[in-house]
Amino acid sequence: MTNKEMMLSSNLYLASDKELKILARRGRTISDKINKTKTMDFKKREKLARKMFAYAGTNLNINKPFYVDYGSNIEIGNNFFANFNCTMLDVCKITIGNNVMLASNVALYTATHPLDKNVRNSGLELGYPITIGDNVWIGGNVVINPGVTIGNNTVIGSGSVVVKDIPSDVLAAGNPARVIRSLTKDDYNIWKNHEKFYYDNIKKD
C-alpha cells in the first residue's frame, strides 16, 4: 500500500511522503487563493473550492479564511455554509450532508497521532474519518475530533468538543459534548410560529 492508501484507510502513514506533499501543496495553494478573494466574492470561492473538494453539491458558500490539509478528501452536499475561520484537517475522508451550517471557528480534525512517544517521534501519523449528516448546525468554536459521526437534524452547541458519535435529532453541547435533549415537535411548532410571524409581518417591497 502507498502512504496515501495507508492514510485513507486509518493506518499509520508518513506525512512527508512525496505524493502526499504534492497533494497537500495543491490543496493549500487553492485555500490560499480562497483566502485572498474579496470578502463578498462567494462565487469565486465556490469555484476554487470545487477544484479542491472530491465532491460538492449545489449552493456552496464559504467565508474566508478557510483552511484544509488536502481538500481532496472532502465531500459536501447541497446548501453548505461555512462561516469565518473554518479548518478541515482531511487526512481521512470528511463527508458532509445536505443543508449543513458551520458557525465561525469550527474545526474538523480527522488527524491524530500515536500515544506512544517513540512511534509519534518517528513521524508516523494516522487519522479517522468524520461524517456529518443532513440538516446539521454546528455552533461557533466547536471542535469535532477524529472518527466522529453526527446524525441528521442535530444541533451542536457552541464551544463543544465532540469526541464521540452524536445521534440524529438531538441538541448536544459541552466538553466533551453530550446529548442535552431530543429535538421534538414542540421545537418544530415554536419555530414554525416564528417563521409565520416573520412572513406575516415583514415589509413587502
N, C-alpha and C. Protein backbone atom coordinates (compact mmCIF):
# COMPACT_ATOMS: atom_id res chain seq x y z
N MET A 1 0.84 -1.20 0.00
CA MET A 1 0.00 0.00 0.00
C MET A 1 0.88 1.25 0.00
N THR A 2 0.42 2.28 -0.68
CA THR A 2 1.13 3.55 -0.65
C THR A 2 0.82 4.27 0.66
N ASN A 3 1.59 5.32 0.97
CA ASN A 3 1.30 6.12 2.15
C ASN A 3 -0.09 6.75 2.06
N LYS A 4 -0.50 7.15 0.88
CA LYS A 4 -1.84 7.72 0.70
C LYS A 4 -2.91 6.68 1.04
N GLU A 5 -2.73 5.47 0.53
CA GLU A 5 -3.69 4.40 0.82
C GLU A 5 -3.72 4.06 2.30
N MET A 6 -2.53 4.05 2.92
CA MET A 6 -2.47 3.80 4.36
C MET A 6 -3.20 4.90 5.13
N MET A 7 -3.00 6.13 4.73
CA MET A 7 -3.62 7.28 5.39
C MET A 7 -5.14 7.20 5.31
N LEU A 8 -5.67 6.96 4.11
CA LEU A 8 -7.10 6.96 3.92
C LEU A 8 -7.80 5.75 4.54
N SER A 9 -7.03 4.71 4.85
CA SER A 9 -7.60 3.52 5.48
C SER A 9 -7.37 3.49 6.99
N SER A 10 -6.99 4.65 7.55
CA SER A 10 -6.81 4.82 9.01
C SER A 10 -5.71 3.92 9.57
N ASN A 11 -4.64 3.79 8.79
CA ASN A 11 -3.42 3.14 9.27
C ASN A 11 -2.31 4.17 9.40
N LEU A 12 -1.25 3.81 10.11
CA LEU A 12 -0.11 4.72 10.20
C LEU A 12 0.45 5.02 8.82
N TYR A 13 0.84 6.27 8.62
CA TYR A 13 1.41 6.69 7.34
C TYR A 13 2.44 7.77 7.61
N LEU A 14 3.24 8.05 6.59
CA LEU A 14 4.29 9.07 6.70
C LEU A 14 3.84 10.31 5.93
N ALA A 15 3.58 11.38 6.65
CA ALA A 15 3.05 12.60 6.03
C ALA A 15 4.06 13.26 5.10
N SER A 16 5.34 12.97 5.30
CA SER A 16 6.38 13.56 4.46
C SER A 16 6.57 12.82 3.14
N ASP A 17 5.72 11.82 2.89
CA ASP A 17 5.75 11.09 1.62
C ASP A 17 5.60 12.06 0.45
N LYS A 18 6.33 11.80 -0.62
CA LYS A 18 6.37 12.72 -1.77
C LYS A 18 4.98 12.96 -2.36
N GLU A 19 4.22 11.89 -2.58
CA GLU A 19 2.89 12.04 -3.16
C GLU A 19 1.98 12.88 -2.27
N LEU A 20 2.04 12.64 -0.97
CA LEU A 20 1.20 13.39 -0.04
C LEU A 20 1.61 14.86 0.04
N LYS A 21 2.90 15.12 -0.04
CA LYS A 21 3.37 16.51 -0.03
C LYS A 21 2.85 17.27 -1.25
N ILE A 22 2.82 16.60 -2.40
CA ILE A 22 2.31 17.23 -3.62
C ILE A 22 0.82 17.52 -3.47
N LEU A 23 0.07 16.55 -2.94
CA LEU A 23 -1.37 16.74 -2.75
C LEU A 23 -1.66 17.84 -1.73
N ALA A 24 -0.88 17.87 -0.64
CA ALA A 24 -1.07 18.91 0.37
C ALA A 24 -0.75 20.29 -0.20
N ARG A 25 0.30 20.37 -0.99
CA ARG A 25 0.67 21.66 -1.59
C ARG A 25 -0.45 22.16 -2.50
N ARG A 26 -1.05 21.26 -3.28
CA ARG A 26 -2.14 21.64 -4.17
C ARG A 26 -3.33 22.18 -3.37
N GLY A 27 -3.74 21.46 -2.33
CA GLY A 27 -4.88 21.88 -1.54
C GLY A 27 -4.64 23.20 -0.84
N ARG A 28 -3.47 23.36 -0.28
CA ARG A 28 -3.17 24.58 0.47
C ARG A 28 -2.96 25.77 -0.46
N THR A 29 -2.50 25.51 -1.67
CA THR A 29 -2.39 26.59 -2.65
C THR A 29 -3.77 27.12 -3.02
N ILE A 30 -4.72 26.19 -3.20
CA ILE A 30 -6.09 26.62 -3.52
C ILE A 30 -6.71 27.34 -2.33
N SER A 31 -6.49 26.84 -1.12
CA SER A 31 -7.07 27.52 0.05
C SER A 31 -6.43 28.90 0.23
N ASP A 32 -5.15 29.05 -0.12
CA ASP A 32 -4.54 30.38 -0.10
C ASP A 32 -5.26 31.33 -1.06
N LYS A 33 -5.61 30.81 -2.24
CA LYS A 33 -6.33 31.63 -3.22
C LYS A 33 -7.71 32.00 -2.70
N ILE A 34 -8.37 31.04 -2.04
CA ILE A 34 -9.68 31.33 -1.43
C ILE A 34 -9.55 32.47 -0.44
N ASN A 35 -8.50 32.43 0.36
CA ASN A 35 -8.33 33.42 1.43
C ASN A 35 -7.87 34.78 0.92
N LYS A 36 -7.52 34.86 -0.36
CA LYS A 36 -7.13 36.14 -0.96
C LYS A 36 -8.27 36.78 -1.75
N THR A 37 -9.43 36.12 -1.79
CA THR A 37 -10.57 36.69 -2.50
C THR A 37 -11.17 37.86 -1.72
N LYS A 38 -11.96 38.66 -2.40
CA LYS A 38 -12.69 39.73 -1.73
C LYS A 38 -13.76 39.11 -0.83
N THR A 39 -14.05 39.78 0.27
CA THR A 39 -14.93 39.23 1.29
C THR A 39 -16.27 38.75 0.74
N MET A 40 -16.85 39.51 -0.17
CA MET A 40 -18.18 39.17 -0.68
C MET A 40 -18.15 38.34 -1.96
N ASP A 41 -16.99 37.89 -2.36
CA ASP A 41 -16.89 37.13 -3.61
C ASP A 41 -17.10 35.63 -3.37
N PHE A 42 -18.32 35.28 -2.99
CA PHE A 42 -18.66 33.89 -2.72
C PHE A 42 -18.53 33.03 -3.97
N LYS A 43 -18.88 33.58 -5.12
CA LYS A 43 -18.83 32.80 -6.36
C LYS A 43 -17.41 32.35 -6.68
N LYS A 44 -16.44 33.24 -6.49
CA LYS A 44 -15.05 32.86 -6.78
C LYS A 44 -14.57 31.81 -5.80
N ARG A 45 -14.94 31.96 -4.52
CA ARG A 45 -14.55 30.95 -3.53
C ARG A 45 -15.19 29.60 -3.84
N GLU A 46 -16.44 29.64 -4.28
CA GLU A 46 -17.11 28.39 -4.64
C GLU A 46 -16.39 27.71 -5.81
N LYS A 47 -16.02 28.48 -6.81
CA LYS A 47 -15.33 27.92 -7.96
C LYS A 47 -13.99 27.30 -7.55
N LEU A 48 -13.25 27.97 -6.70
CA LEU A 48 -11.97 27.46 -6.24
C LEU A 48 -12.15 26.20 -5.39
N ALA A 49 -13.14 26.23 -4.50
CA ALA A 49 -13.38 25.08 -3.62
C ALA A 49 -13.75 23.84 -4.43
N ARG A 50 -14.49 24.02 -5.50
CA ARG A 50 -14.87 22.88 -6.33
C ARG A 50 -13.67 22.21 -6.98
N LYS A 51 -12.62 22.98 -7.23
CA LYS A 51 -11.39 22.39 -7.76
C LYS A 51 -10.68 21.54 -6.71
N MET A 52 -10.92 21.84 -5.46
CA MET A 52 -10.21 21.21 -4.36
C MET A 52 -10.94 20.00 -3.79
N PHE A 53 -12.26 20.12 -3.59
CA PHE A 53 -13.02 19.06 -2.94
C PHE A 53 -13.20 17.86 -3.86
N ALA A 54 -13.34 16.69 -3.23
CA ALA A 54 -13.65 15.49 -4.01
C ALA A 54 -15.04 15.59 -4.64
N TYR A 55 -15.97 16.22 -3.89
CA TYR A 55 -17.32 16.44 -4.41
C TYR A 55 -17.95 17.60 -3.66
N ALA A 56 -18.74 18.39 -4.38
CA ALA A 56 -19.52 19.46 -3.75
C ALA A 56 -20.84 19.60 -4.50
N GLY A 57 -21.94 19.65 -3.76
CA GLY A 57 -23.25 19.81 -4.35
C GLY A 57 -23.52 21.26 -4.73
N THR A 58 -24.78 21.59 -4.88
CA THR A 58 -25.17 22.94 -5.29
C THR A 58 -25.15 23.89 -4.09
N ASN A 59 -24.98 25.17 -4.39
CA ASN A 59 -25.10 26.24 -3.39
C ASN A 59 -24.06 26.07 -2.28
N LEU A 60 -22.81 26.25 -2.65
CA LEU A 60 -21.68 26.11 -1.73
C LEU A 60 -21.22 27.50 -1.32
N ASN A 61 -21.31 27.82 -0.03
CA ASN A 61 -20.96 29.16 0.46
C ASN A 61 -19.92 29.06 1.56
N ILE A 62 -18.80 29.74 1.36
CA ILE A 62 -17.68 29.69 2.30
C ILE A 62 -17.19 31.10 2.57
N ASN A 63 -17.14 31.47 3.84
CA ASN A 63 -16.46 32.71 4.22
C ASN A 63 -14.97 32.43 4.43
N LYS A 64 -14.17 33.43 4.19
CA LYS A 64 -12.75 33.28 4.44
C LYS A 64 -12.42 33.80 5.84
N PRO A 65 -11.33 33.32 6.46
CA PRO A 65 -10.39 32.33 5.94
C PRO A 65 -10.92 30.90 6.09
N PHE A 66 -10.38 30.03 5.25
CA PHE A 66 -10.78 28.63 5.20
C PHE A 66 -9.53 27.79 4.98
N TYR A 67 -9.33 26.77 5.81
CA TYR A 67 -8.08 26.01 5.79
C TYR A 67 -8.34 24.51 5.65
N VAL A 68 -7.46 23.84 4.90
CA VAL A 68 -7.53 22.39 4.74
C VAL A 68 -6.14 21.79 4.85
N ASP A 69 -6.10 20.47 5.06
CA ASP A 69 -4.85 19.73 4.89
C ASP A 69 -4.63 19.40 3.42
N TYR A 70 -5.62 18.75 2.82
CA TYR A 70 -5.54 18.35 1.42
C TYR A 70 -6.71 18.92 0.59
N GLY A 71 -7.89 18.92 1.16
CA GLY A 71 -9.07 19.38 0.44
C GLY A 71 -9.68 18.29 -0.43
N SER A 72 -8.84 17.42 -0.98
CA SER A 72 -9.30 16.40 -1.91
C SER A 72 -10.01 15.24 -1.22
N ASN A 73 -10.00 15.21 0.10
CA ASN A 73 -10.67 14.14 0.85
C ASN A 73 -11.96 14.64 1.50
N ILE A 74 -12.52 15.72 0.95
CA ILE A 74 -13.74 16.33 1.49
C ILE A 74 -14.87 16.19 0.49
N GLU A 75 -16.02 15.69 0.96
CA GLU A 75 -17.23 15.61 0.15
C GLU A 75 -18.35 16.36 0.86
N ILE A 76 -19.01 17.27 0.13
CA ILE A 76 -20.01 18.16 0.73
C ILE A 76 -21.28 18.13 -0.11
N GLY A 77 -22.44 18.06 0.56
CA GLY A 77 -23.72 18.03 -0.13
C GLY A 77 -24.22 19.41 -0.53
N ASN A 78 -25.51 19.51 -0.79
CA ASN A 78 -26.13 20.76 -1.24
C ASN A 78 -26.31 21.73 -0.07
N ASN A 79 -26.32 23.02 -0.41
CA ASN A 79 -26.67 24.09 0.54
C ASN A 79 -25.76 24.08 1.77
N PHE A 80 -24.48 24.20 1.51
CA PHE A 80 -23.47 24.20 2.59
C PHE A 80 -23.02 25.62 2.88
N PHE A 81 -22.84 25.91 4.17
CA PHE A 81 -22.29 27.21 4.57
C PHE A 81 -21.25 27.01 5.66
N ALA A 82 -20.07 27.58 5.44
CA ALA A 82 -19.01 27.61 6.45
C ALA A 82 -18.69 29.07 6.74
N ASN A 83 -18.82 29.46 8.01
CA ASN A 83 -18.53 30.83 8.39
C ASN A 83 -17.02 31.02 8.60
N PHE A 84 -16.62 32.17 9.10
CA PHE A 84 -15.23 32.57 9.17
C PHE A 84 -14.36 31.56 9.92
N ASN A 85 -13.16 31.36 9.39
CA ASN A 85 -12.10 30.63 10.08
C ASN A 85 -12.43 29.16 10.32
N CYS A 86 -12.92 28.51 9.27
CA CYS A 86 -13.19 27.08 9.32
C CYS A 86 -11.92 26.31 8.96
N THR A 87 -11.65 25.24 9.71
CA THR A 87 -10.48 24.39 9.46
C THR A 87 -10.93 22.95 9.28
N MET A 88 -10.52 22.33 8.19
CA MET A 88 -10.81 20.92 7.94
C MET A 88 -9.50 20.18 7.68
N LEU A 89 -9.07 19.40 8.68
CA LEU A 89 -7.86 18.60 8.51
C LEU A 89 -8.29 17.23 7.98
N ASP A 90 -8.21 17.09 6.66
CA ASP A 90 -8.80 15.94 5.97
C ASP A 90 -7.76 14.90 5.57
N VAL A 91 -7.00 14.41 6.55
CA VAL A 91 -6.10 13.31 6.22
C VAL A 91 -6.90 12.03 5.98
N CYS A 92 -8.09 11.95 6.57
CA CYS A 92 -9.08 10.95 6.22
C CYS A 92 -10.30 11.67 5.66
N LYS A 93 -11.23 10.89 5.17
CA LYS A 93 -12.39 11.46 4.50
C LYS A 93 -13.27 12.24 5.45
N ILE A 94 -13.70 13.43 5.02
CA ILE A 94 -14.73 14.21 5.69
C ILE A 94 -15.93 14.22 4.77
N THR A 95 -17.05 13.69 5.26
CA THR A 95 -18.28 13.62 4.48
C THR A 95 -19.35 14.47 5.17
N ILE A 96 -19.89 15.45 4.45
CA ILE A 96 -20.88 16.38 4.99
C ILE A 96 -22.12 16.32 4.12
N GLY A 97 -23.28 16.19 4.75
CA GLY A 97 -24.54 16.04 4.02
C GLY A 97 -25.11 17.34 3.50
N ASN A 98 -26.40 17.33 3.23
CA ASN A 98 -27.10 18.50 2.70
C ASN A 98 -27.55 19.43 3.82
N ASN A 99 -27.61 20.72 3.51
CA ASN A 99 -28.15 21.73 4.42
C ASN A 99 -27.40 21.77 5.75
N VAL A 100 -26.09 21.82 5.65
CA VAL A 100 -25.24 21.87 6.85
C VAL A 100 -24.66 23.28 6.99
N MET A 101 -24.73 23.80 8.22
CA MET A 101 -24.18 25.13 8.52
C MET A 101 -23.11 24.99 9.59
N LEU A 102 -21.93 25.57 9.33
CA LEU A 102 -20.84 25.62 10.30
C LEU A 102 -20.64 27.07 10.72
N ALA A 103 -20.73 27.34 12.01
CA ALA A 103 -20.51 28.69 12.50
C ALA A 103 -19.02 29.03 12.48
N SER A 104 -18.68 30.21 12.96
CA SER A 104 -17.28 30.65 12.94
C SER A 104 -16.41 29.77 13.83
N ASN A 105 -15.17 29.59 13.39
CA ASN A 105 -14.13 28.89 14.17
C ASN A 105 -14.44 27.41 14.40
N VAL A 106 -15.19 26.79 13.50
CA VAL A 106 -15.41 25.35 13.59
C VAL A 106 -14.20 24.62 13.02
N ALA A 107 -13.79 23.54 13.72
CA ALA A 107 -12.64 22.75 13.30
C ALA A 107 -13.02 21.28 13.22
N LEU A 108 -12.75 20.67 12.08
CA LEU A 108 -12.97 19.24 11.87
C LEU A 108 -11.61 18.59 11.74
N TYR A 109 -11.25 17.77 12.73
CA TYR A 109 -9.92 17.17 12.78
C TYR A 109 -10.02 15.66 12.57
N THR A 110 -9.71 15.19 11.37
CA THR A 110 -9.58 13.74 11.19
C THR A 110 -8.19 13.27 11.62
N ALA A 111 -7.27 14.19 11.74
CA ALA A 111 -5.86 13.85 12.02
C ALA A 111 -5.63 13.59 13.50
N THR A 112 -4.78 12.60 13.77
CA THR A 112 -4.36 12.33 15.14
C THR A 112 -2.93 11.78 15.12
N HIS A 113 -2.40 11.47 16.30
CA HIS A 113 -1.02 10.99 16.42
C HIS A 113 -0.96 9.84 17.42
N PRO A 114 0.04 8.98 17.28
CA PRO A 114 0.19 7.87 18.23
C PRO A 114 0.42 8.36 19.65
N LEU A 115 -0.13 7.65 20.63
CA LEU A 115 0.10 7.99 22.03
C LEU A 115 1.51 7.63 22.47
N ASP A 116 2.07 6.59 21.86
CA ASP A 116 3.44 6.20 22.20
C ASP A 116 4.42 7.22 21.65
N LYS A 117 5.28 7.74 22.53
CA LYS A 117 6.18 8.83 22.12
C LYS A 117 7.17 8.41 21.04
N ASN A 118 7.64 7.18 21.11
CA ASN A 118 8.64 6.73 20.14
C ASN A 118 8.05 6.61 18.74
N VAL A 119 6.84 6.07 18.64
CA VAL A 119 6.19 5.98 17.34
C VAL A 119 5.83 7.39 16.85
N ARG A 120 5.34 8.22 17.76
CA ARG A 120 4.98 9.60 17.40
C ARG A 120 6.21 10.35 16.89
N ASN A 121 7.33 10.21 17.57
CA ASN A 121 8.54 10.93 17.18
C ASN A 121 9.16 10.40 15.90
N SER A 122 8.73 9.23 15.46
CA SER A 122 9.24 8.69 14.19
C SER A 122 8.66 9.41 12.98
N GLY A 123 7.62 10.20 13.20
CA GLY A 123 6.98 10.93 12.10
C GLY A 123 5.75 10.24 11.55
N LEU A 124 5.43 9.07 12.07
CA LEU A 124 4.23 8.38 11.61
C LEU A 124 2.99 9.02 12.22
N GLU A 125 1.95 9.13 11.42
CA GLU A 125 0.69 9.73 11.84
C GLU A 125 -0.46 8.82 11.42
N LEU A 126 -1.69 9.17 11.82
CA LEU A 126 -2.86 8.46 11.34
C LEU A 126 -4.09 9.35 11.48
N GLY A 127 -5.20 8.87 10.95
CA GLY A 127 -6.44 9.63 11.05
C GLY A 127 -7.65 8.72 10.98
N TYR A 128 -8.81 9.29 11.34
CA TYR A 128 -10.07 8.57 11.28
C TYR A 128 -11.11 9.49 10.66
N PRO A 129 -12.01 8.97 9.82
CA PRO A 129 -12.95 9.83 9.09
C PRO A 129 -14.00 10.49 9.97
N ILE A 130 -14.53 11.60 9.48
CA ILE A 130 -15.62 12.33 10.13
C ILE A 130 -16.81 12.35 9.17
N THR A 131 -18.00 12.09 9.71
CA THR A 131 -19.22 12.13 8.91
C THR A 131 -20.25 13.01 9.60
N ILE A 132 -20.82 13.95 8.85
CA ILE A 132 -21.88 14.83 9.35
C ILE A 132 -23.09 14.64 8.46
N GLY A 133 -24.26 14.37 9.06
CA GLY A 133 -25.47 14.09 8.31
C GLY A 133 -26.12 15.32 7.71
N ASP A 134 -27.38 15.17 7.30
CA ASP A 134 -28.14 16.26 6.69
C ASP A 134 -28.74 17.18 7.76
N ASN A 135 -28.93 18.45 7.40
CA ASN A 135 -29.66 19.41 8.23
C ASN A 135 -29.02 19.61 9.60
N VAL A 136 -27.70 19.67 9.62
CA VAL A 136 -26.96 19.82 10.87
C VAL A 136 -26.46 21.25 11.02
N TRP A 137 -26.54 21.78 12.24
CA TRP A 137 -25.99 23.09 12.56
C TRP A 137 -24.93 22.90 13.64
N ILE A 138 -23.70 23.33 13.31
CA ILE A 138 -22.58 23.25 14.24
C ILE A 138 -22.28 24.66 14.74
N GLY A 139 -22.37 24.88 16.05
CA GLY A 139 -22.17 26.20 16.62
C GLY A 139 -20.73 26.67 16.60
N GLY A 140 -20.52 27.92 16.99
CA GLY A 140 -19.20 28.53 16.96
C GLY A 140 -18.20 27.87 17.89
N ASN A 141 -16.95 27.83 17.44
CA ASN A 141 -15.83 27.31 18.23
C ASN A 141 -16.00 25.83 18.62
N VAL A 142 -16.67 25.09 17.78
CA VAL A 142 -16.82 23.64 18.01
C VAL A 142 -15.65 22.91 17.38
N VAL A 143 -15.13 21.92 18.11
CA VAL A 143 -14.10 21.01 17.60
C VAL A 143 -14.71 19.63 17.45
N ILE A 144 -14.59 19.06 16.25
CA ILE A 144 -15.05 17.69 16.01
C ILE A 144 -13.82 16.82 15.81
N ASN A 145 -13.66 15.84 16.68
CA ASN A 145 -12.45 15.02 16.72
C ASN A 145 -12.51 13.85 15.75
N PRO A 146 -11.37 13.19 15.54
CA PRO A 146 -11.29 12.09 14.58
C PRO A 146 -12.28 10.96 14.88
N GLY A 147 -12.88 10.42 13.82
CA GLY A 147 -13.73 9.25 13.94
C GLY A 147 -15.16 9.52 14.32
N VAL A 148 -15.55 10.78 14.44
CA VAL A 148 -16.89 11.13 14.92
C VAL A 148 -17.91 11.13 13.77
N THR A 149 -19.11 10.61 14.08
CA THR A 149 -20.26 10.72 13.18
C THR A 149 -21.36 11.51 13.90
N ILE A 150 -21.92 12.50 13.21
CA ILE A 150 -23.03 13.29 13.74
C ILE A 150 -24.25 13.01 12.88
N GLY A 151 -25.37 12.64 13.51
CA GLY A 151 -26.57 12.25 12.79
C GLY A 151 -27.32 13.40 12.17
N ASN A 152 -28.38 13.09 11.47
CA ASN A 152 -29.21 14.07 10.77
C ASN A 152 -29.96 14.98 11.74
N ASN A 153 -30.15 16.23 11.33
CA ASN A 153 -31.04 17.18 12.01
C ASN A 153 -30.53 17.62 13.38
N THR A 154 -29.30 17.33 13.70
CA THR A 154 -28.76 17.59 15.04
C THR A 154 -28.12 18.96 15.11
N VAL A 155 -28.13 19.54 16.31
CA VAL A 155 -27.50 20.83 16.59
C VAL A 155 -26.42 20.61 17.64
N ILE A 156 -25.21 21.14 17.37
CA ILE A 156 -24.11 21.07 18.33
C ILE A 156 -23.88 22.48 18.88
N GLY A 157 -24.03 22.65 20.20
CA GLY A 157 -23.90 23.95 20.82
C GLY A 157 -22.49 24.51 20.75
N SER A 158 -22.38 25.82 20.78
CA SER A 158 -21.09 26.50 20.63
C SER A 158 -20.12 26.10 21.74
N GLY A 159 -18.85 26.05 21.39
CA GLY A 159 -17.80 25.72 22.34
C GLY A 159 -17.65 24.25 22.65
N SER A 160 -18.40 23.40 21.99
CA SER A 160 -18.36 21.97 22.28
C SER A 160 -17.12 21.31 21.68
N VAL A 161 -16.68 20.25 22.34
CA VAL A 161 -15.63 19.38 21.81
C VAL A 161 -16.26 18.00 21.65
N VAL A 162 -16.45 17.59 20.40
CA VAL A 162 -17.17 16.35 20.10
C VAL A 162 -16.15 15.22 19.96
N VAL A 163 -16.20 14.28 20.89
CA VAL A 163 -15.20 13.20 20.92
C VAL A 163 -15.82 11.84 20.63
N LYS A 164 -17.14 11.77 20.56
CA LYS A 164 -17.80 10.51 20.22
C LYS A 164 -19.04 10.80 19.39
N ASP A 165 -19.61 9.75 18.79
CA ASP A 165 -20.74 9.92 17.89
C ASP A 165 -21.93 10.58 18.60
N ILE A 166 -22.64 11.41 17.84
CA ILE A 166 -23.85 12.08 18.32
C ILE A 166 -25.00 11.63 17.42
N PRO A 167 -26.13 11.16 18.00
CA PRO A 167 -27.22 10.64 17.16
C PRO A 167 -27.99 11.74 16.44
N SER A 168 -28.96 11.32 15.66
CA SER A 168 -29.83 12.25 14.93
C SER A 168 -30.84 12.90 15.87
N ASP A 169 -31.32 14.07 15.46
CA ASP A 169 -32.48 14.73 16.09
C ASP A 169 -32.26 15.10 17.55
N VAL A 170 -31.05 15.58 17.88
CA VAL A 170 -30.79 15.98 19.26
C VAL A 170 -30.06 17.32 19.29
N LEU A 171 -30.10 17.95 20.47
CA LEU A 171 -29.23 19.07 20.81
C LEU A 171 -28.13 18.53 21.70
N ALA A 172 -26.88 18.73 21.30
CA ALA A 172 -25.73 18.26 22.09
C ALA A 172 -24.80 19.43 22.34
N ALA A 173 -24.14 19.42 23.49
CA ALA A 173 -23.21 20.51 23.83
C ALA A 173 -22.30 20.05 24.96
N GLY A 174 -21.22 20.81 25.14
CA GLY A 174 -20.33 20.57 26.26
C GLY A 174 -18.95 20.10 25.85
N ASN A 175 -18.09 19.95 26.86
CA ASN A 175 -16.72 19.46 26.65
C ASN A 175 -16.42 18.39 27.71
N PRO A 176 -16.51 17.12 27.32
CA PRO A 176 -16.87 16.63 25.98
C PRO A 176 -18.36 16.77 25.71
N ALA A 177 -18.71 16.85 24.43
CA ALA A 177 -20.11 17.05 24.06
C ALA A 177 -20.95 15.85 24.47
N ARG A 178 -22.15 16.15 24.95
CA ARG A 178 -23.11 15.09 25.31
C ARG A 178 -24.50 15.54 24.86
N VAL A 179 -25.39 14.59 24.72
CA VAL A 179 -26.76 14.90 24.33
C VAL A 179 -27.46 15.63 25.47
N ILE A 180 -27.97 16.83 25.20
CA ILE A 180 -28.73 17.60 26.20
C ILE A 180 -30.19 17.14 26.19
N ARG A 181 -30.77 17.05 25.01
CA ARG A 181 -32.14 16.58 24.89
C ARG A 181 -32.44 16.28 23.43
N SER A 182 -33.54 15.58 23.21
CA SER A 182 -34.01 15.34 21.86
C SER A 182 -34.71 16.59 21.33
N LEU A 183 -34.68 16.75 20.02
CA LEU A 183 -35.46 17.80 19.37
C LEU A 183 -36.86 17.24 19.11
N THR A 184 -37.90 18.01 19.44
CA THR A 184 -39.27 17.50 19.46
C THR A 184 -40.19 18.29 18.54
N LYS A 185 -41.45 17.85 18.50
CA LYS A 185 -42.47 18.58 17.74
C LYS A 185 -42.71 19.97 18.33
N ASP A 186 -42.49 20.10 19.64
CA ASP A 186 -42.64 21.43 20.25
C ASP A 186 -41.63 22.40 19.66
N ASP A 187 -40.38 21.94 19.46
CA ASP A 187 -39.37 22.79 18.82
C ASP A 187 -39.84 23.19 17.42
N TYR A 188 -40.34 22.20 16.69
CA TYR A 188 -40.82 22.48 15.33
C TYR A 188 -41.93 23.52 15.35
N ASN A 189 -42.89 23.35 16.25
CA ASN A 189 -44.03 24.27 16.31
C ASN A 189 -43.62 25.68 16.70
N ILE A 190 -42.69 25.78 17.69
CA ILE A 190 -42.21 27.10 18.12
C ILE A 190 -41.59 27.85 16.95
N TRP A 191 -40.72 27.15 16.21
CA TRP A 191 -40.01 27.83 15.14
C TRP A 191 -40.87 28.05 13.91
N LYS A 192 -41.85 27.19 13.69
CA LYS A 192 -42.80 27.45 12.61
C LYS A 192 -43.63 28.70 12.92
N ASN A 193 -43.96 28.91 14.19
CA ASN A 193 -44.69 30.12 14.58
C ASN A 193 -43.83 31.37 14.38
N HIS A 194 -42.55 31.28 14.75
CA HIS A 194 -41.64 32.40 14.50
C HIS A 194 -41.57 32.70 13.00
N GLU A 195 -41.47 31.64 12.20
CA GLU A 195 -41.39 31.80 10.76
C GLU A 195 -42.66 32.45 10.21
N LYS A 196 -43.81 32.00 10.70
CA LYS A 196 -45.09 32.57 10.26
C LYS A 196 -45.17 34.05 10.61
N PHE A 197 -44.73 34.40 11.83
CA PHE A 197 -44.75 35.81 12.24
C PHE A 197 -43.89 36.65 11.29
N TYR A 198 -42.73 36.11 10.93
CA TYR A 198 -41.85 36.83 10.01
C TYR A 198 -42.56 37.12 8.69
N TYR A 199 -43.10 36.09 8.05
CA TYR A 199 -43.70 36.27 6.74
C TYR A 199 -44.99 37.08 6.79
N ASP A 200 -45.66 37.04 7.92
CA ASP A 200 -46.88 37.85 8.06
C ASP A 200 -46.58 39.32 8.28
N ASN A 201 -45.40 39.62 8.79
CA ASN A 201 -45.13 41.00 9.23
C ASN A 201 -43.98 41.69 8.49
N ILE A 202 -43.20 40.97 7.73
CA ILE A 202 -42.08 41.61 7.04
C ILE A 202 -42.61 42.61 6.01
N LYS A 203 -41.97 43.74 5.92
CA LYS A 203 -42.37 44.78 4.99
C LYS A 203 -42.15 44.30 3.57
N LYS A 204 -43.18 44.38 2.76
CA LYS A 204 -43.12 43.96 1.36
C LYS A 204 -42.59 45.10 0.51
N ASP A 205 -41.79 44.75 -0.52
CA ASP A 205 -41.28 45.77 -1.45
C ASP A 205 -42.42 46.28 -2.34
